[in-house]
Amino acid sequence: MKNVHTDLGHIGIKQMQKMISSVYAAENMTKNIKLICEGCIVCLKNKSRGHNKYGLMSHLGPATKPFQICSIDTVGGFGGTRSTKRYLHLLSDHFTRYAYILASSTQNANDFIKLIKNCAESDNIELILSDQCPGINSKEFKRFLDENNIPIIFTAVNSPFSNGLNERLNQTLVNKIRCRMNEHDKKKAWTSVVHSCVQKYNETEHTVTGYAPKSLGCNMSIKVHYLHSHLDRFPDNLGEITEEQGERFHQDIKCMEDRYQGRWDTHIWEITAGL
């Protein structure tokens, strides 16, 4: 069997079965043919199809709470005579759609570390999704993530659609910056308008979530958050007969609002979600 496999140019399992079964029969012949073909060193080193498919790629998300999944990306090509900075580094939260930015003249690890620190001052990032930018894929940046227990997942090369949420945010912010720079005859440096553009984006109601990213991030009322998170638990006819349930709800939530100053943030997420 080994000679047949080698002499015929390292043929595959099906071809081996077809060639040998027509002239020879033996016990466990199919099993032995598979062992010969799958164990051939020459085939393993030189054939492109070396193993069966492991399965389909899994879907990342959707995020169920703030900073569970965050994406990092960079937009280049700004520059110009009015600014020496050419890159806009972005970090976006998948749940709230909140955007953090950093304008820089480089794309090294220190830029992305500073961007992460700006976000991590108030919340802990659980997972980062990013392309294979040299600054992000550097040893220095990976060491920083390891020290802060932040795992990172890299998208495939030349596959921007793998990080579609950030790519769409890039387009939105670039359009806002371009419009703001050119809305008057006297043009401005992009670094002078980028922060106001991002602020307006974070304060504008998002078409997907129905809330402004800033509201979901830190300023949402506990009462609104609780109602929005538990709409499926209230019957459709609630309030048609009596308002007793509503009064009890307001009394119960008042204690929580007094305790947390009436505002919700990620530190009390588990408390409000578990009620």
C-alpha atoms as a PDB file:
ATOM      1  CA  MET A   1       0.000   0.000   0.000  1.00  0.00           C
ATOM      2  CA  LYS A   2       2.838   2.415   0.796  1.00  0.00           C
ATOM      3  CA  ASN A   3       4.414   1.709  -2.595  1.00  0.00           C
ATOM      4  CA  VAL A   4       1.122   2.416  -4.382  1.00  0.00           C
ATOM      5  CA  HIS A   5       0.741   5.685  -2.494  1.00  0.00           C
ATOM      6  CA  THR A   6       4.308   6.779  -3.295  1.00  0.00           C
ATOM      7  CA  ASP A   7       4.595   5.509  -6.884  1.00  0.00           C
ATOM      8  CA  LEU A   8       1.365   7.200  -7.951  1.00  0.00           C
ATOM      9  CA  GLY A   9       2.494  10.610  -6.710  1.00  0.00           C
ATOM     10  CA  HIS A  10       1.190  10.523  -3.134  1.00  0.00           C
ATOM     11  CA  ILE A  11      -2.444  10.113  -4.089  1.00  0.00           C
ATOM     12  CA  GLY A  12      -5.235  10.670  -1.581  1.00  0.00           C
ATOM     13  CA  ILE A  13      -7.420   8.258   0.397  1.00  0.00           C
ATOM     14  CA  LYS A  14     -10.255   7.983  -2.116  1.00  0.00           C
ATOM     15  CA  GLN A  15      -7.900   7.375  -5.034  1.00  0.00           C
ATOM     16  CA  MET A  16      -6.045   4.745  -3.012  1.00  0.00           C
ATOM     17  CA  GLN A  17      -9.280   2.952  -2.211  1.00  0.00           C
ATOM     18  CA  LYS A  18     -10.335   2.988  -5.841  1.00  0.00           C
ATOM     19  CA  MET A  19      -7.001   1.683  -7.121  1.00  0.00           C
ATOM     20  CA  ILE A  20      -6.506  -1.084  -4.532  1.00  0.00           C
ATOM     21  CA  SER A  21     -10.071  -2.324  -3.979  1.00  0.00           C
ATOM     22  CA  SER A  22     -10.438  -3.314  -7.635  1.00  0.00           C
ATOM     23  CA  VAL A  23      -7.629  -5.872  -7.410  1.00  0.00           C
ATOM     24  CA  TYR A  24      -7.193  -6.599  -3.707  1.00  0.00           C
ATOM     25  CA  ALA A  25      -9.323  -7.162  -0.603  1.00  0.00           C
ATOM     26  CA  ALA A  26      -8.217  -7.376   3.013  1.00  0.00           C
ATOM     27  CA  GLU A  27      -9.495  -6.825   6.530  1.00  0.00           C
ATOM     28  CA  ASN A  28      -9.364  -3.209   7.754  1.00  0.00           C
ATOM     29  CA  MET A  29      -8.128  -2.131   4.324  1.00  0.00           C
ATOM     30  CA  THR A  30      -9.835   1.285   4.463  1.00  0.00           C
ATOM     31  CA  LYS A  31      -8.457   1.950   7.927  1.00  0.00           C
ATOM     32  CA  ASN A  32      -4.919   1.063   6.825  1.00  0.00           C
ATOM     33  CA  ILE A  33      -5.171   3.267   3.735  1.00  0.00           C
ATOM     34  CA  LYS A  34      -6.184   6.231   5.921  1.00  0.00           C
ATOM     35  CA  LEU A  35      -3.272   5.571   8.269  1.00  0.00           C
ATOM     36  CA  ILE A  36      -0.812   5.501   5.373  1.00  0.00           C
ATOM     37  CA  CYS A  37      -2.123   8.672   3.715  1.00  0.00           C
ATOM     38  CA  GLU A  38      -2.578  10.696   6.908  1.00  0.00           C
ATOM     39  CA  GLY A  39       0.795   9.565   8.293  1.00  0.00           C
ATOM     40  CA  CYS A  40       2.867  10.262   5.195  1.00  0.00           C
ATOM     41  CA  ILE A  41       5.541  12.819   6.149  1.00  0.00           C
ATOM     42  CA  VAL A  42       5.941  14.037   2.577  1.00  0.00           C
ATOM     43  CA  CYS A  43       2.200  14.734   2.295  1.00  0.00           C
ATOM     44  CA  LEU A  44       2.059  16.528   5.637  1.00  0.00           C
ATOM     45  CA  LYS A  45       4.927  18.836   4.657  1.00  0.00           C
ATOM     46  CA  ASN A  46       3.866  19.640   1.105  1.00  0.00           C
ATOM     47  CA  LYS A  47       0.099  19.333   0.695  1.00  0.00           C
ATOM     48  CA  SER A  48      -2.001  22.428   1.413  1.00  0.00           C
ATOM     49  CA  ARG A  49      -5.019  20.442   2.590  1.00  0.00           C
ATOM     50  CA  GLY A  50      -3.590  18.696   5.588  1.00  0.00           C
ATOM     51  CA  HIS A  51      -6.556  18.261   7.945  1.00  0.00           C
ATOM     52  CA  ASN A  52     -10.297  18.468   8.279  1.00  0.00           C
ATOM     53  CA  LYS A  53     -12.081  21.731   9.042  1.00  0.00           C
ATOM     54  CA  TYR A  54     -12.311  22.529  12.733  1.00  0.00           C
ATOM     55  CA  GLY A  55     -15.643  24.354  12.361  1.00  0.00           C
ATOM     56  CA  LEU A  56     -17.076  27.786  11.728  1.00  0.00           C
ATOM     57  CA  MET A  57     -15.713  30.921  13.365  1.00  0.00           C
ATOM     58  CA  SER A  58     -17.719  32.107  16.334  1.00  0.00           C
ATOM     59  CA  HIS A  59     -19.523  35.433  16.538  1.00  0.00           C
ATOM     60  CA  LEU A  60     -18.093  37.972  18.975  1.00  0.00           C
ATOM     61  CA  GLY A  61     -20.756  39.629  21.097  1.00  0.00           C
ATOM     62  CA  PRO A  62     -23.105  41.311  21.278  1.00  0.00           C
ATOM     63  CA  ALA A  63     -21.947  43.081  24.440  1.00  0.00           C
ATOM     64  CA  THR A  64     -24.385  42.975  27.355  1.00  0.00           C
ATOM     65  CA  LYS A  65     -22.813  45.650  29.556  1.00  0.00           C
ATOM     66  CA  PRO A  66     -20.448  48.631  29.226  1.00  0.00           C
ATOM     67  CA  PHE A  67     -16.777  47.947  28.490  1.00  0.00           C
ATOM     68  CA  GLN A  68     -17.359  44.235  28.014  1.00  0.00           C
ATOM     69  CA  ILE A  69     -16.031  44.526  24.445  1.00  0.00           C
ATOM     70  CA  CYS A  70     -14.076  47.512  23.129  1.00  0.00           C
ATOM     71  CA  SER A  71     -12.550  48.117  19.706  1.00  0.00           C
ATOM     72  CA  ILE A  72      -9.381  50.032  18.829  1.00  0.00           C
ATOM     73  CA  ASP A  73      -8.593  51.486  15.427  1.00  0.00           C
ATOM     74  CA  THR A  74      -6.637  54.304  13.801  1.00  0.00           C
ATOM     75  CA  VAL A  75      -7.615  56.793  11.109  1.00  0.00           C
ATOM     76  CA  GLY A  76      -4.749  58.429   9.235  1.00  0.00           C
ATOM     77  CA  GLY A  77      -4.263  61.021   6.535  1.00  0.00           C
ATOM     78  CA  PHE A  78      -5.231  64.157   8.472  1.00  0.00           C
ATOM     79  CA  GLY A  79      -2.090  66.261   8.866  1.00  0.00           C
ATOM     80  CA  GLY A  80      -1.834  69.367   6.688  1.00  0.00           C
ATOM     81  CA  THR A  81      -0.083  72.672   7.265  1.00  0.00           C
ATOM     82  CA  ARG A  82      -2.171  73.547  10.313  1.00  0.00           C
ATOM     83  CA  SER A  83      -1.224  70.523  12.434  1.00  0.00           C
ATOM     84  CA  THR A  84       1.700  68.152  12.798  1.00  0.00           C
ATOM     85  CA  LYS A  85      -0.563  65.370  14.061  1.00  0.00           C
ATOM     86  CA  ARG A  86      -1.677  62.924  11.387  1.00  0.00           C
ATOM     87  CA  TYR A  87      -3.466  60.104  13.212  1.00  0.00           C
ATOM     88  CA  LEU A  88      -6.700  59.788  15.142  1.00  0.00           C
ATOM     89  CA  HIS A  89      -6.700  56.788  17.501  1.00  0.00           C
ATOM     90  CA  LEU A  90     -10.161  55.557  18.460  1.00  0.00           C
ATOM     91  CA  LEU A  91     -11.500  53.331  21.214  1.00  0.00           C
ATOM     92  CA  SER A  92     -15.221  52.525  21.123  1.00  0.00           C
ATOM     93  CA  ASP A  93     -17.382  50.594  23.554  1.00  0.00           C
ATOM     94  CA  HIS A  94     -19.631  48.049  21.833  1.00  0.00           C
ATOM     95  CA  PHE A  95     -22.457  48.387  24.343  1.00  0.00           C
ATOM     96  CA  THR A  96     -22.812  52.156  24.762  1.00  0.00           C
ATOM     97  CA  ARG A  97     -21.111  53.120  21.437  1.00  0.00           C
ATOM     98  CA  TYR A  98     -19.138  55.688  23.471  1.00  0.00           C
ATOM     99  CA  ALA A  99     -15.990  56.935  21.682  1.00  0.00           C
ATOM    100  CA  TYR A 100     -12.632  57.825  23.207  1.00  0.00           C
ATOM    101  CA  ILE A 101     -10.023  59.522  21.011  1.00  0.00           C
ATOM    102  CA  LEU A 102      -6.370  60.488  20.947  1.00  0.00           C
ATOM    103  CA  ALA A 103      -4.788  62.701  18.287  1.00  0.00           C
ATOM    104  CA  SER A 104      -1.143  61.874  17.642  1.00  0.00           C
ATOM    105  CA  SER A 105       1.696  62.213  15.153  1.00  0.00           C
ATOM    106  CA  THR A 106       2.737  58.564  15.616  1.00  0.00           C
ATOM    107  CA  GLN A 107       1.282  55.051  15.795  1.00  0.00           C
ATOM    108  CA  ASN A 108       3.485  53.525  18.458  1.00  0.00           C
ATOM    109  CA  ALA A 109       2.588  51.542  21.560  1.00  0.00           C
ATOM    110  CA  ASN A 110       2.694  54.571  23.877  1.00  0.00           C
ATOM    111  CA  ASP A 111      -0.187  56.187  21.977  1.00  0.00           C
ATOM    112  CA  PHE A 112      -2.452  53.199  22.441  1.00  0.00           C
ATOM    113  CA  ILE A 113      -1.401  52.747  26.075  1.00  0.00           C
ATOM    114  CA  LYS A 114      -2.372  56.355  26.760  1.00  0.00           C
ATOM    115  CA  LEU A 115      -5.707  55.800  25.003  1.00  0.00           C
ATOM    116  CA  ILE A 116      -6.443  52.750  27.159  1.00  0.00           C
ATOM    117  CA  LYS A 117      -5.490  54.609  30.325  1.00  0.00           C
ATOM    118  CA  ASN A 118      -7.879  57.453  29.477  1.00  0.00           C
ATOM    119  CA  CYS A 119     -10.707  54.931  29.311  1.00  0.00           C
ATOM    120  CA  ALA A 120      -9.594  52.731  32.208  1.00  0.00           C
ATOM    121  CA  GLU A 121      -9.617  55.622  34.684  1.00  0.00           C
ATOM    122  CA  SER A 122     -13.315  55.012  35.322  1.00  0.00           C
ATOM    123  CA  ASP A 123     -13.978  51.455  34.118  1.00  0.00           C
ATOM    124  CA  ASN A 124     -12.236  48.147  33.524  1.00  0.00           C
ATOM    125  CA  ILE A 125     -12.109  46.860  29.951  1.00  0.00           C
ATOM    126  CA  GLU A 126     -12.847  43.142  29.689  1.00  0.00           C
ATOM    127  CA  LEU A 127     -11.866  42.522  26.033  1.00  0.00           C
ATOM    128  CA  ILE A 128     -10.289  44.462  23.162  1.00  0.00           C
ATOM    129  CA  LEU A 129     -10.865  43.823  19.463  1.00  0.00           C
ATOM    130  CA  SER A 130      -8.296  45.273  17.061  1.00  0.00           C
ATOM    131  CA  ASP A 131      -6.574  44.897  13.714  1.00  0.00           C
ATOM    132  CA  GLN A 132      -2.915  43.947  13.510  1.00  0.00           C
ATOM    133  CA  CYS A 133      -1.461  47.438  13.606  1.00  0.00           C
ATOM    134  CA  PRO A 134       2.288  47.303  14.444  1.00  0.00           C
ATOM    135  CA  GLY A 135       1.846  49.570  17.477  1.00  0.00           C
ATOM    136  CA  ILE A 136      -0.990  47.430  18.865  1.00  0.00           C
ATOM    137  CA  ASN A 137       0.748  44.167  17.997  1.00  0.00           C
ATOM    138  CA  SER A 138       3.979  45.298  19.682  1.00  0.00           C
ATOM    139  CA  LYS A 139       5.518  43.582  22.698  1.00  0.00           C
ATOM    140  CA  GLU A 140       5.278  46.762  24.760  1.00  0.00           C
ATOM    141  CA  PHE A 141       1.528  47.137  24.251  1.00  0.00           C
ATOM    142  CA  LYS A 142       0.882  43.430  24.835  1.00  0.00           C
ATOM    143  CA  ARG A 143       2.888  43.607  28.049  1.00  0.00           C
ATOM    144  CA  PHE A 144       0.740  46.527  29.205  1.00  0.00           C
ATOM    145  CA  LEU A 145      -2.428  44.530  28.496  1.00  0.00           C
ATOM    146  CA  ASP A 146      -1.089  41.507  30.370  1.00  0.00           C
ATOM    147  CA  GLU A 147      -0.257  43.635  33.396  1.00  0.00           C
ATOM    148  CA  ASN A 148      -3.817  44.978  33.433  1.00  0.00           C
ATOM    149  CA  ASN A 149      -5.460  41.595  32.674  1.00  0.00           C
ATOM    150  CA  ILE A 150      -7.020  42.813  29.411  1.00  0.00           C
ATOM    151  CA  PRO A 151      -7.249  40.125  26.691  1.00  0.00           C
ATOM    152  CA  ILE A 152      -7.055  41.150  23.036  1.00  0.00           C
ATOM    153  CA  ILE A 153      -8.381  39.525  19.858  1.00  0.00           C
ATOM    154  CA  PHE A 154      -6.865  40.429  16.486  1.00  0.00           C
ATOM    155  CA  THR A 155      -8.911  40.484  13.296  1.00  0.00           C
ATOM    156  CA  ALA A 156      -7.680  38.882  10.081  1.00  0.00           C
ATOM    157  CA  VAL A 157      -5.266  40.812   7.863  1.00  0.00           C
ATOM    158  CA  ASN A 158      -6.943  43.030   5.236  1.00  0.00           C
ATOM    159  CA  SER A 159     -10.378  42.329   6.716  1.00  0.00           C
ATOM    160  CA  PRO A 160     -11.767  45.669   7.982  1.00  0.00           C
ATOM    161  CA  PHE A 161     -15.287  44.196   7.990  1.00  0.00           C
ATOM    162  CA  SER A 162     -14.199  42.037  10.947  1.00  0.00           C
ATOM    163  CA  ASN A 163     -14.298  45.208  13.056  1.00  0.00           C
ATOM    164  CA  GLY A 164     -17.288  46.799  11.383  1.00  0.00           C
ATOM    165  CA  LEU A 165     -18.477  48.763  14.424  1.00  0.00           C
ATOM    166  CA  ASN A 166     -15.242  50.739  14.557  1.00  0.00           C
ATOM    167  CA  GLU A 167     -15.092  51.184  10.792  1.00  0.00           C
ATOM    168  CA  ARG A 168     -18.572  52.724  10.815  1.00  0.00           C
ATOM    169  CA  LEU A 169     -17.571  55.004  13.694  1.00  0.00           C
ATOM    170  CA  ASN A 170     -14.462  56.040  11.754  1.00  0.00           C
ATOM    171  CA  GLN A 171     -16.604  57.103   8.811  1.00  0.00           C
ATOM    172  CA  THR A 172     -19.023  59.021  11.036  1.00  0.00           C
ATOM    173  CA  LEU A 173     -16.305  60.978  12.848  1.00  0.00           C
ATOM    174  CA  VAL A 174     -14.288  61.704   9.708  1.00  0.00           C
ATOM    175  CA  ASN A 175     -17.409  63.135   8.053  1.00  0.00           C
ATOM    176  CA  LYS A 176     -18.127  65.293  11.111  1.00  0.00           C
ATOM    177  CA  ILE A 177     -14.544  66.557  11.245  1.00  0.00           C
ATOM    178  CA  ARG A 178     -14.459  67.307   7.513  1.00  0.00           C
ATOM    179  CA  CYS A 179     -17.746  69.216   7.664  1.00  0.00           C
ATOM    180  CA  ARG A 180     -16.648  71.204  10.712  1.00  0.00           C
ATOM    181  CA  MET A 181     -13.337  72.149   9.114  1.00  0.00           C
ATOM    182  CA  ASN A 182     -14.894  73.350   5.869  1.00  0.00           C
ATOM    183  CA  GLU A 183     -18.147  74.940   7.012  1.00  0.00           C
ATOM    184  CA  HIS A 184     -16.509  78.409   6.959  1.00  0.00           C
ATOM    185  CA  ASP A 185     -14.204  80.110   4.493  1.00  0.00           C
ATOM    186  CA  LYS A 186     -11.434  80.184   7.071  1.00  0.00           C
ATOM    187  CA  LYS A 187     -10.354  76.592   7.498  1.00  0.00           C
ATOM    188  CA  LYS A 188      -9.336  75.212  10.886  1.00  0.00           C
ATOM    189  CA  ALA A 189      -6.850  72.592  12.002  1.00  0.00           C
ATOM    190  CA  TRP A 190      -8.505  69.221  12.439  1.00  0.00           C
ATOM    191  CA  THR A 191      -7.117  68.901  15.977  1.00  0.00           C
ATOM    192  CA  SER A 192      -9.031  72.044  17.000  1.00  0.00           C
ATOM    193  CA  VAL A 193     -12.417  70.571  16.047  1.00  0.00           C
ATOM    194  CA  VAL A 194     -12.007  66.845  16.671  1.00  0.00           C
ATOM    195  CA  HIS A 195     -12.831  66.960  20.389  1.00  0.00           C
ATOM    196  CA  SER A 196     -16.025  68.960  19.847  1.00  0.00           C
ATOM    197  CA  CYS A 197     -17.062  66.552  17.067  1.00  0.00           C
ATOM    198  CA  VAL A 198     -16.568  63.525  19.317  1.00  0.00           C
ATOM    199  CA  GLN A 199     -18.398  65.268  22.148  1.00  0.00           C
ATOM    200  CA  LYS A 200     -21.377  65.934  19.876  1.00  0.00           C
ATOM    201  CA  TYR A 201     -21.315  62.306  18.729  1.00  0.00           C
ATOM    202  CA  ASN A 202     -21.352  61.031  22.326  1.00  0.00           C
ATOM    203  CA  GLU A 203     -24.239  63.363  23.191  1.00  0.00           C
ATOM    204  CA  THR A 204     -26.365  62.474  20.135  1.00  0.00           C
ATOM    205  CA  GLU A 205     -28.936  59.671  20.228  1.00  0.00           C
ATOM    206  CA  HIS A 206     -27.548  56.580  18.490  1.00  0.00           C
ATOM    207  CA  THR A 207     -29.722  54.998  15.810  1.00  0.00           C
ATOM    208  CA  VAL A 208     -28.991  51.449  17.053  1.00  0.00           C
ATOM    209  CA  THR A 209     -29.252  51.782  20.842  1.00  0.00           C
ATOM    210  CA  GLY A 210     -31.817  54.593  20.899  1.00  0.00           C
ATOM    211  CA  TYR A 211     -29.770  56.430  23.544  1.00  0.00           C
ATOM    212  CA  ALA A 212     -26.882  58.842  23.471  1.00  0.00           C
ATOM    213  CA  PRO A 213     -23.605  57.009  24.232  1.00  0.00           C
ATOM    214  CA  LYS A 214     -22.867  59.447  27.049  1.00  0.00           C
ATOM    215  CA  SER A 215     -26.215  58.682  28.704  1.00  0.00           C
ATOM    216  CA  LEU A 216     -25.663  54.942  28.578  1.00  0.00           C
ATOM    217  CA  GLY A 217     -22.104  55.355  29.763  1.00  0.00           C
ATOM    218  CA  CYS A 218     -22.510  57.266  33.013  1.00  0.00           C
ATOM    219  CA  ASN A 219     -25.494  59.612  33.224  1.00  0.00           C
ATOM    220  CA  MET A 220     -28.545  57.397  32.784  1.00  0.00           C
ATOM    221  CA  SER A 221     -31.113  57.596  35.531  1.00  0.00           C
ATOM    222  CA  ILE A 222     -31.352  54.399  37.548  1.00  0.00           C
ATOM    223  CA  LYS A 223     -35.113  54.449  37.060  1.00  0.00           C
ATOM    224  CA  VAL A 224     -34.818  54.696  33.277  1.00  0.00           C
ATOM    225  CA  HIS A 225     -32.108  52.031  33.171  1.00  0.00           C
ATOM    226  CA  TYR A 226     -34.137  49.640  35.309  1.00  0.00           C
ATOM    227  CA  LEU A 227     -37.298  50.075  33.230  1.00  0.00           C
ATOM    228  CA  HIS A 228     -35.424  49.695  29.948  1.00  0.00           C
ATOM    229  CA  SER A 229     -33.669  46.535  31.163  1.00  0.00           C
ATOM    230  CA  HIS A 230     -36.881  44.877  32.414  1.00  0.00           C
ATOM    231  CA  LEU A 231     -39.531  45.853  29.850  1.00  0.00           C
ATOM    232  CA  ASP A 232     -40.195  42.204  29.035  1.00  0.00           C
ATOM    233  CA  ARG A 233     -41.170  41.537  32.680  1.00  0.00           C
ATOM    234  CA  PHE A 234     -44.055  44.000  32.763  1.00  0.00           C
ATOM    235  CA  PRO A 235     -47.474  42.877  31.470  1.00  0.00           C
ATOM    236  CA  ASP A 236     -48.981  44.804  28.553  1.00  0.00           C
ATOM    237  CA  ASN A 237     -52.039  45.912  30.564  1.00  0.00           C
ATOM    238  CA  LEU A 238     -50.048  47.185  33.545  1.00  0.00           C
ATOM    239  CA  GLY A 239     -51.670  50.367  34.861  1.00  0.00           C
ATOM    240  CA  GLU A 240     -55.050  49.962  33.173  1.00  0.00           C
ATOM    241  CA  ILE A 241     -56.825  48.874  36.377  1.00  0.00           C
ATOM    242  CA  THR A 242     -54.718  50.305  39.184  1.00  0.00           C
ATOM    243  CA  GLU A 243     -51.583  52.377  39.631  1.00  0.00           C
ATOM    244  CA  GLU A 244     -50.594  50.538  42.793  1.00  0.00           C
ATOM    245  CA  GLN A 245     -47.693  48.752  41.070  1.00  0.00           C
ATOM    246  CA  GLY A 246     -46.341  52.059  39.778  1.00  0.00           C
ATOM    247  CA  GLU A 247     -46.485  53.659  43.211  1.00  0.00           C
ATOM    248  CA  ARG A 248     -44.709  50.703  44.767  1.00  0.00           C
ATOM    249  CA  PHE A 249     -42.053  50.864  42.047  1.00  0.00           C
ATOM    250  CA  HIS A 250     -41.387  54.569  42.719  1.00  0.00           C
ATOM    251  CA  GLN A 251     -41.104  53.914  46.459  1.00  0.00           C
ATOM    252  CA  ASP A 252     -38.713  51.003  45.967  1.00  0.00           C
ATOM    253  CA  ILE A 253     -36.509  52.828  43.464  1.00  0.00           C
ATOM    254  CA  LYS A 254     -36.294  55.967  45.612  1.00  0.00           C
ATOM    255  CA  CYS A 255     -34.087  54.223  48.165  1.00  0.00           C
ATOM    256  CA  MET A 256     -31.751  53.116  45.404  1.00  0.00           C
ATOM    257  CA  GLU A 257     -31.618  56.601  43.875  1.00  0.00           C
ATOM    258  CA  ASP A 258     -30.793  58.126  47.249  1.00  0.00           C
ATOM    259  CA  ARG A 259     -28.014  55.637  47.759  1.00  0.00           C
ATOM    260  CA  TYR A 260     -26.445  56.132  44.300  1.00  0.00           C
ATOM    261  CA  GLN A 261     -27.372  59.802  43.831  1.00  0.00           C
ATOM    262  CA  GLY A 262     -29.931  58.864  41.217  1.00  0.00           C
ATOM    263  CA  ARG A 263     -27.323  57.922  38.621  1.00  0.00           C
ATOM    264  CA  TRP A 264     -26.290  54.611  37.157  1.00  0.00           C
ATOM    265  CA  ASP A 265     -22.775  53.574  36.222  1.00  0.00           C
ATOM    266  CA  THR A 266     -20.969  50.316  35.443  1.00  0.00           C
ATOM    267  CA  HIS A 267     -20.070  49.726  39.110  1.00  0.00           C
ATOM    268  CA  ILE A 268     -23.717  49.102  40.031  1.00  0.00           C
ATOM    269  CA  TRP A 269     -24.608  47.293  36.803  1.00  0.00           C
ATOM    270  CA  GLU A 270     -24.900  43.906  38.444  1.00  0.00           C
ATOM    271  CA  ILE A 271     -27.067  45.334  41.245  1.00  0.00           C
ATOM    272  CA  THR A 272     -29.628  46.997  38.964  1.00  0.00           C
ATOM    273  CA  ALA A 273     -29.638  44.166  36.432  1.00  0.00           C
ATOM    274  CA  GLY A 274     -30.294  41.567  39.107  1.00  0.00           C
ATOM    275  CA  LEU A 275     -33.311  43.178  40.706  1.00  0.00           C
END
